[in-house]
């Protein structure tokens, strides 16, 4: 999508600190980290919200979750713990309308989250 911030980042139009990329997903460091490790994982396919997922996105989202686990392991979070978060719509904290997951780690987290 032409005006989507995350689509433009994945396309290389906006600089980012890339962590991982393949033909389906892109992962990069958050510019306003909320933890020592704060990585955003996005599908390259533009999907505005979790409400917009369809059955055909099943494999894509599974691939994204496996990548999150691999990145957590590479960052040494697999034994210490990490949080994987997705927000849906404004009232839940979604500010960029492109499905994305926050991989957070490197500090303790409380529950409930906020």
N, C-alpha and C. Protein backbone atom coordinates (compact mmCIF):
# COMPACT_ATOMS: atom_id res chain seq x y z
N UNK A 1 0.85 -1.17 0.00
CA UNK A 1 0.00 0.00 0.00
C UNK A 1 0.89 1.24 0.00
N UNK A 2 0.60 2.16 -0.83
CA UNK A 2 1.45 3.30 -1.13
C UNK A 2 1.81 4.17 0.08
N UNK A 3 0.86 4.48 0.95
CA UNK A 3 1.11 5.38 2.07
C UNK A 3 1.36 4.67 3.39
N UNK A 4 1.45 3.37 3.39
CA UNK A 4 1.64 2.62 4.63
C UNK A 4 3.11 2.69 5.06
N UNK A 5 3.32 3.17 6.27
CA UNK A 5 4.67 3.30 6.81
C UNK A 5 5.42 1.97 6.77
N UNK A 6 4.80 0.88 7.22
CA UNK A 6 5.49 -0.39 7.27
C UNK A 6 5.73 -0.98 5.88
N UNK A 7 4.81 -0.77 4.95
CA UNK A 7 5.05 -1.22 3.57
C UNK A 7 6.26 -0.49 3.00
N UNK A 8 6.39 0.80 3.29
CA UNK A 8 7.51 1.58 2.79
C UNK A 8 8.83 1.15 3.43
N UNK A 9 8.79 0.79 4.72
CA UNK A 9 9.99 0.29 5.39
C UNK A 9 10.41 -1.03 4.76
N UNK A 10 9.46 -1.95 4.58
CA UNK A 10 9.78 -3.26 4.00
C UNK A 10 10.31 -3.13 2.57
N UNK A 11 9.84 -2.12 1.84
CA UNK A 11 10.29 -1.90 0.47
C UNK A 11 11.65 -1.19 0.41
N UNK A 12 12.17 -0.77 1.56
CA UNK A 12 13.46 -0.08 1.58
C UNK A 12 13.37 1.41 1.29
N UNK A 13 12.16 1.95 1.21
CA UNK A 13 11.99 3.38 0.95
C UNK A 13 12.28 4.23 2.17
N UNK A 14 12.11 3.65 3.35
CA UNK A 14 12.40 4.33 4.60
C UNK A 14 13.45 3.49 5.32
N UNK A 15 14.54 4.11 5.77
CA UNK A 15 15.59 3.33 6.43
C UNK A 15 15.09 2.67 7.72
N UNK A 16 15.66 1.52 8.01
CA UNK A 16 15.35 0.81 9.25
C UNK A 16 16.58 -0.01 9.65
N UNK A 17 16.56 -0.48 10.88
CA UNK A 17 17.62 -1.37 11.35
C UNK A 17 17.10 -2.80 11.20
N UNK A 18 17.32 -3.33 10.00
CA UNK A 18 16.79 -4.64 9.64
C UNK A 18 17.41 -5.73 10.50
N UNK A 19 16.53 -6.65 10.95
CA UNK A 19 16.95 -7.80 11.73
C UNK A 19 16.84 -9.07 10.89
N UNK A 20 15.80 -9.13 10.06
CA UNK A 20 15.56 -10.32 9.25
C UNK A 20 14.67 -9.93 8.07
N UNK A 21 14.89 -10.61 6.94
CA UNK A 21 14.02 -10.41 5.78
C UNK A 21 14.06 -11.66 4.93
N UNK A 22 12.90 -12.02 4.42
CA UNK A 22 12.80 -13.02 3.36
C UNK A 22 11.71 -12.56 2.41
N UNK A 23 11.22 -13.42 1.57
CA UNK A 23 10.23 -13.00 0.57
C UNK A 23 8.86 -12.71 1.16
N UNK A 24 8.59 -13.13 2.41
CA UNK A 24 7.26 -12.97 3.00
C UNK A 24 7.19 -12.00 4.16
N UNK A 25 8.29 -11.87 4.92
CA UNK A 25 8.23 -11.04 6.12
C UNK A 25 9.47 -10.17 6.25
N UNK A 26 9.35 -9.17 7.12
CA UNK A 26 10.43 -8.23 7.38
C UNK A 26 10.44 -7.96 8.89
N UNK A 27 11.60 -7.95 9.51
CA UNK A 27 11.72 -7.66 10.93
C UNK A 27 12.76 -6.56 11.11
N UNK A 28 12.46 -5.62 12.00
CA UNK A 28 13.37 -4.50 12.22
C UNK A 28 13.23 -3.99 13.65
N UNK A 29 14.27 -3.29 14.12
CA UNK A 29 14.27 -2.76 15.47
C UNK A 29 13.33 -1.56 15.56
N UNK A 30 12.56 -1.52 16.65
CA UNK A 30 11.64 -0.40 16.89
C UNK A 30 12.44 0.87 17.16
N UNK A 31 12.00 2.00 16.62
CA UNK A 31 12.73 3.25 16.82
C UNK A 31 12.46 3.86 18.20
N UNK A 32 11.42 3.39 18.90
CA UNK A 32 11.10 3.82 20.26
C UNK A 32 10.99 2.58 21.14
N UNK A 33 12.12 1.91 21.41
CA UNK A 33 12.06 0.62 22.11
C UNK A 33 11.48 0.74 23.52
N UNK A 34 10.67 -0.24 23.88
CA UNK A 34 10.06 -0.33 25.20
C UNK A 34 10.73 -1.38 26.06
N UNK A 35 11.79 -1.97 25.56
CA UNK A 35 12.57 -2.99 26.27
C UNK A 35 13.94 -3.03 25.61
N UNK A 36 14.93 -3.64 26.28
CA UNK A 36 16.26 -3.74 25.66
C UNK A 36 16.23 -4.39 24.27
N UNK A 37 15.35 -5.36 24.09
CA UNK A 37 15.11 -5.92 22.76
C UNK A 37 13.68 -5.57 22.39
N UNK A 38 13.49 -4.86 21.29
CA UNK A 38 12.15 -4.51 20.80
C UNK A 38 12.21 -4.52 19.28
N UNK A 39 11.71 -5.61 18.73
CA UNK A 39 11.75 -5.84 17.29
C UNK A 39 10.33 -5.94 16.76
N UNK A 40 10.07 -5.30 15.63
CA UNK A 40 8.78 -5.40 14.97
C UNK A 40 8.90 -6.42 13.84
N UNK A 41 7.91 -7.30 13.75
CA UNK A 41 7.85 -8.29 12.67
C UNK A 41 6.58 -8.02 11.88
N UNK A 42 6.73 -7.89 10.57
CA UNK A 42 5.58 -7.58 9.71
C UNK A 42 5.54 -8.52 8.52
N UNK A 43 4.34 -8.84 8.06
CA UNK A 43 4.25 -9.51 6.77
C UNK A 43 4.48 -8.46 5.67
N UNK A 44 5.07 -8.84 4.58
CA UNK A 44 5.23 -7.91 3.47
C UNK A 44 3.89 -7.64 2.79
N UNK A 45 2.99 -8.58 2.88
CA UNK A 45 1.63 -8.38 2.38
C UNK A 45 0.94 -7.37 3.28
N UNK A 46 0.32 -6.36 2.69
CA UNK A 46 -0.38 -5.36 3.49
C UNK A 46 -1.69 -5.94 4.01
N UNK A 47 -1.78 -6.06 5.32
CA UNK A 47 -3.00 -6.48 6.01
C UNK A 47 -3.20 -5.44 7.10
N UNK A 48 -4.26 -4.62 7.06
CA UNK A 48 -4.40 -3.52 8.01
C UNK A 48 -4.48 -3.92 9.48
N UNK A 49 -5.31 -4.88 9.82
CA UNK A 49 -5.48 -5.27 11.22
C UNK A 49 -5.64 -6.78 11.32
N UNK A 50 -5.56 -7.29 12.54
CA UNK A 50 -5.81 -8.72 12.75
C UNK A 50 -7.23 -9.10 12.32
N UNK A 51 -8.15 -8.15 12.36
CA UNK A 51 -9.52 -8.41 11.90
C UNK A 51 -9.59 -8.70 10.40
N UNK A 52 -8.56 -8.29 9.67
CA UNK A 52 -8.54 -8.46 8.22
C UNK A 52 -7.85 -9.73 7.75
N UNK A 53 -7.36 -10.54 8.68
CA UNK A 53 -6.74 -11.81 8.30
C UNK A 53 -7.78 -12.74 7.69
N UNK A 54 -7.34 -13.53 6.73
CA UNK A 54 -8.22 -14.53 6.12
C UNK A 54 -7.57 -15.90 6.24
N UNK A 55 -8.30 -16.90 5.89
CA UNK A 55 -7.79 -18.28 5.93
C UNK A 55 -6.52 -18.41 5.09
N UNK A 56 -6.41 -17.65 4.02
CA UNK A 56 -5.21 -17.76 3.17
C UNK A 56 -3.96 -17.18 3.84
N UNK A 57 -4.12 -16.46 4.95
CA UNK A 57 -2.98 -15.90 5.66
C UNK A 57 -2.42 -16.84 6.72
N UNK A 58 -3.01 -18.01 6.86
CA UNK A 58 -2.60 -18.96 7.90
C UNK A 58 -1.12 -19.31 7.82
N UNK A 59 -0.63 -19.66 6.66
CA UNK A 59 0.77 -20.06 6.49
C UNK A 59 1.69 -18.85 6.73
N UNK A 60 1.31 -17.70 6.23
CA UNK A 60 2.09 -16.49 6.41
C UNK A 60 2.27 -16.17 7.89
N UNK A 61 1.20 -16.23 8.67
CA UNK A 61 1.30 -15.92 10.09
C UNK A 61 2.09 -16.97 10.85
N UNK A 62 1.96 -18.23 10.46
CA UNK A 62 2.78 -19.28 11.06
C UNK A 62 4.25 -19.04 10.78
N UNK A 63 4.56 -18.62 9.57
CA UNK A 63 5.94 -18.31 9.19
C UNK A 63 6.48 -17.15 10.03
N UNK A 64 5.65 -16.14 10.24
CA UNK A 64 6.04 -14.98 11.03
C UNK A 64 6.32 -15.39 12.49
N UNK A 65 5.47 -16.24 13.05
CA UNK A 65 5.67 -16.69 14.43
C UNK A 65 6.95 -17.51 14.58
N UNK A 66 7.23 -18.35 13.61
CA UNK A 66 8.48 -19.12 13.64
C UNK A 66 9.69 -18.20 13.55
N UNK A 67 9.60 -17.15 12.75
CA UNK A 67 10.69 -16.19 12.64
C UNK A 67 10.88 -15.45 13.97
N UNK A 68 9.79 -15.11 14.64
CA UNK A 68 9.88 -14.44 15.94
C UNK A 68 10.61 -15.34 16.94
N UNK A 69 10.29 -16.61 16.95
CA UNK A 69 10.94 -17.55 17.84
C UNK A 69 12.43 -17.66 17.52
N UNK A 70 12.77 -17.71 16.25
CA UNK A 70 14.17 -17.82 15.83
C UNK A 70 14.95 -16.55 16.24
N UNK A 71 14.35 -15.38 16.03
CA UNK A 71 15.00 -14.13 16.40
C UNK A 71 15.19 -14.05 17.91
N UNK A 72 14.18 -14.47 18.67
CA UNK A 72 14.29 -14.49 20.14
C UNK A 72 15.45 -15.38 20.57
N UNK A 73 15.58 -16.52 19.94
CA UNK A 73 16.67 -17.44 20.25
C UNK A 73 18.01 -16.79 19.90
N UNK A 74 18.11 -16.15 18.74
CA UNK A 74 19.35 -15.49 18.32
C UNK A 74 19.74 -14.36 19.27
N UNK A 75 18.75 -13.71 19.88
CA UNK A 75 19.01 -12.60 20.80
C UNK A 75 19.18 -13.08 22.25
N UNK A 76 19.18 -14.40 22.44
CA UNK A 76 19.39 -14.95 23.77
C UNK A 76 18.19 -14.86 24.69
N UNK A 77 17.01 -14.69 24.13
CA UNK A 77 15.80 -14.54 24.93
C UNK A 77 15.08 -15.85 25.18
N UNK A 78 15.46 -16.90 24.50
CA UNK A 78 14.73 -18.17 24.60
C UNK A 78 14.78 -18.75 26.00
N UNK A 79 15.85 -18.54 26.74
CA UNK A 79 15.93 -19.09 28.09
C UNK A 79 15.49 -18.08 29.16
N UNK A 80 15.52 -16.79 28.84
CA UNK A 80 15.16 -15.75 29.80
C UNK A 80 13.69 -15.36 29.69
N UNK A 81 13.09 -15.59 28.54
CA UNK A 81 11.69 -15.23 28.31
C UNK A 81 11.56 -14.00 27.44
N UNK A 82 10.44 -13.93 26.76
CA UNK A 82 10.15 -12.78 25.90
C UNK A 82 8.64 -12.67 25.76
N UNK A 83 8.22 -11.53 25.26
CA UNK A 83 6.80 -11.28 25.01
C UNK A 83 6.62 -11.01 23.52
N UNK A 84 5.58 -11.60 22.94
CA UNK A 84 5.20 -11.33 21.57
C UNK A 84 3.80 -10.74 21.62
N UNK A 85 3.66 -9.52 21.13
CA UNK A 85 2.42 -8.77 21.29
C UNK A 85 1.93 -8.26 19.94
N UNK A 86 0.61 -8.31 19.76
CA UNK A 86 -0.03 -7.69 18.59
C UNK A 86 -1.23 -6.91 19.08
N UNK A 87 -1.37 -5.68 18.60
CA UNK A 87 -2.50 -4.83 18.97
C UNK A 87 -3.46 -4.75 17.78
N UNK A 88 -4.75 -4.67 18.07
CA UNK A 88 -5.75 -4.58 17.01
C UNK A 88 -6.68 -3.41 17.29
N UNK A 89 -6.59 -2.41 16.47
CA UNK A 89 -7.36 -1.17 16.50
C UNK A 89 -6.84 -0.20 17.55
N UNK A 90 -7.29 1.05 17.46
CA UNK A 90 -6.77 2.13 18.28
C UNK A 90 -6.91 1.87 19.77
N UNK A 91 -8.06 1.40 20.20
CA UNK A 91 -8.29 1.24 21.65
C UNK A 91 -7.37 0.19 22.27
N UNK A 92 -6.78 -0.66 21.46
CA UNK A 92 -5.82 -1.66 21.95
C UNK A 92 -4.38 -1.20 21.75
N UNK A 93 -4.19 -0.02 21.16
CA UNK A 93 -2.86 0.53 21.00
C UNK A 93 -2.28 0.45 19.60
N UNK A 94 -3.06 0.00 18.61
CA UNK A 94 -2.52 -0.07 17.25
C UNK A 94 -2.43 1.35 16.68
N UNK A 95 -1.23 1.74 16.26
CA UNK A 95 -1.05 3.07 15.69
C UNK A 95 -0.65 3.03 14.22
N UNK A 96 -0.10 1.91 13.77
CA UNK A 96 0.21 1.72 12.35
C UNK A 96 -0.70 0.60 11.85
N UNK A 97 -1.49 0.90 10.85
CA UNK A 97 -2.48 -0.07 10.38
C UNK A 97 -1.91 -0.97 9.30
N UNK A 98 -1.03 -1.83 9.77
CA UNK A 98 -0.40 -2.92 9.03
C UNK A 98 -0.11 -3.95 10.11
N UNK A 99 -0.63 -5.14 9.98
CA UNK A 99 -0.44 -6.16 11.01
C UNK A 99 1.03 -6.25 11.36
N UNK A 100 1.30 -6.24 12.66
CA UNK A 100 2.68 -6.36 13.13
C UNK A 100 2.70 -6.93 14.54
N UNK A 101 3.81 -7.55 14.86
CA UNK A 101 4.03 -8.13 16.17
C UNK A 101 5.24 -7.45 16.80
N UNK A 102 5.15 -7.18 18.08
CA UNK A 102 6.26 -6.63 18.85
C UNK A 102 6.92 -7.80 19.58
N UNK A 103 8.19 -8.01 19.34
CA UNK A 103 8.98 -8.98 20.08
C UNK A 103 9.77 -8.18 21.11
N UNK A 104 9.45 -8.43 22.39
CA UNK A 104 10.04 -7.67 23.49
C UNK A 104 10.76 -8.60 24.44
N UNK A 105 11.92 -8.18 24.92
CA UNK A 105 12.64 -8.99 25.88
C UNK A 105 13.80 -8.23 26.49
N UNK A 106 14.47 -8.89 27.42
CA UNK A 106 15.62 -8.30 28.06
C UNK A 106 15.31 -7.60 29.37
N UNK A 107 14.05 -7.67 29.81
CA UNK A 107 13.66 -7.12 31.11
C UNK A 107 12.43 -7.87 31.58
N UNK A 108 12.13 -7.81 32.88
CA UNK A 108 10.90 -8.46 33.37
C UNK A 108 9.66 -7.70 32.91
N UNK A 109 8.57 -8.42 32.71
CA UNK A 109 7.29 -7.82 32.34
C UNK A 109 6.25 -8.18 33.38
N UNK A 110 5.33 -7.28 33.61
CA UNK A 110 4.25 -7.54 34.55
C UNK A 110 3.00 -8.02 33.83
N UNK A 111 2.04 -8.43 34.62
CA UNK A 111 0.74 -8.84 34.08
C UNK A 111 -0.34 -8.35 35.02
N UNK A 112 -1.42 -7.77 34.55
CA UNK A 112 -1.72 -7.55 33.14
C UNK A 112 -0.83 -6.46 32.53
N UNK A 113 -0.72 -6.48 31.20
CA UNK A 113 0.26 -5.63 30.54
C UNK A 113 -0.09 -4.15 30.53
N UNK A 114 -1.32 -3.74 30.72
CA UNK A 114 -1.58 -2.32 30.72
C UNK A 114 -2.99 -1.94 30.55
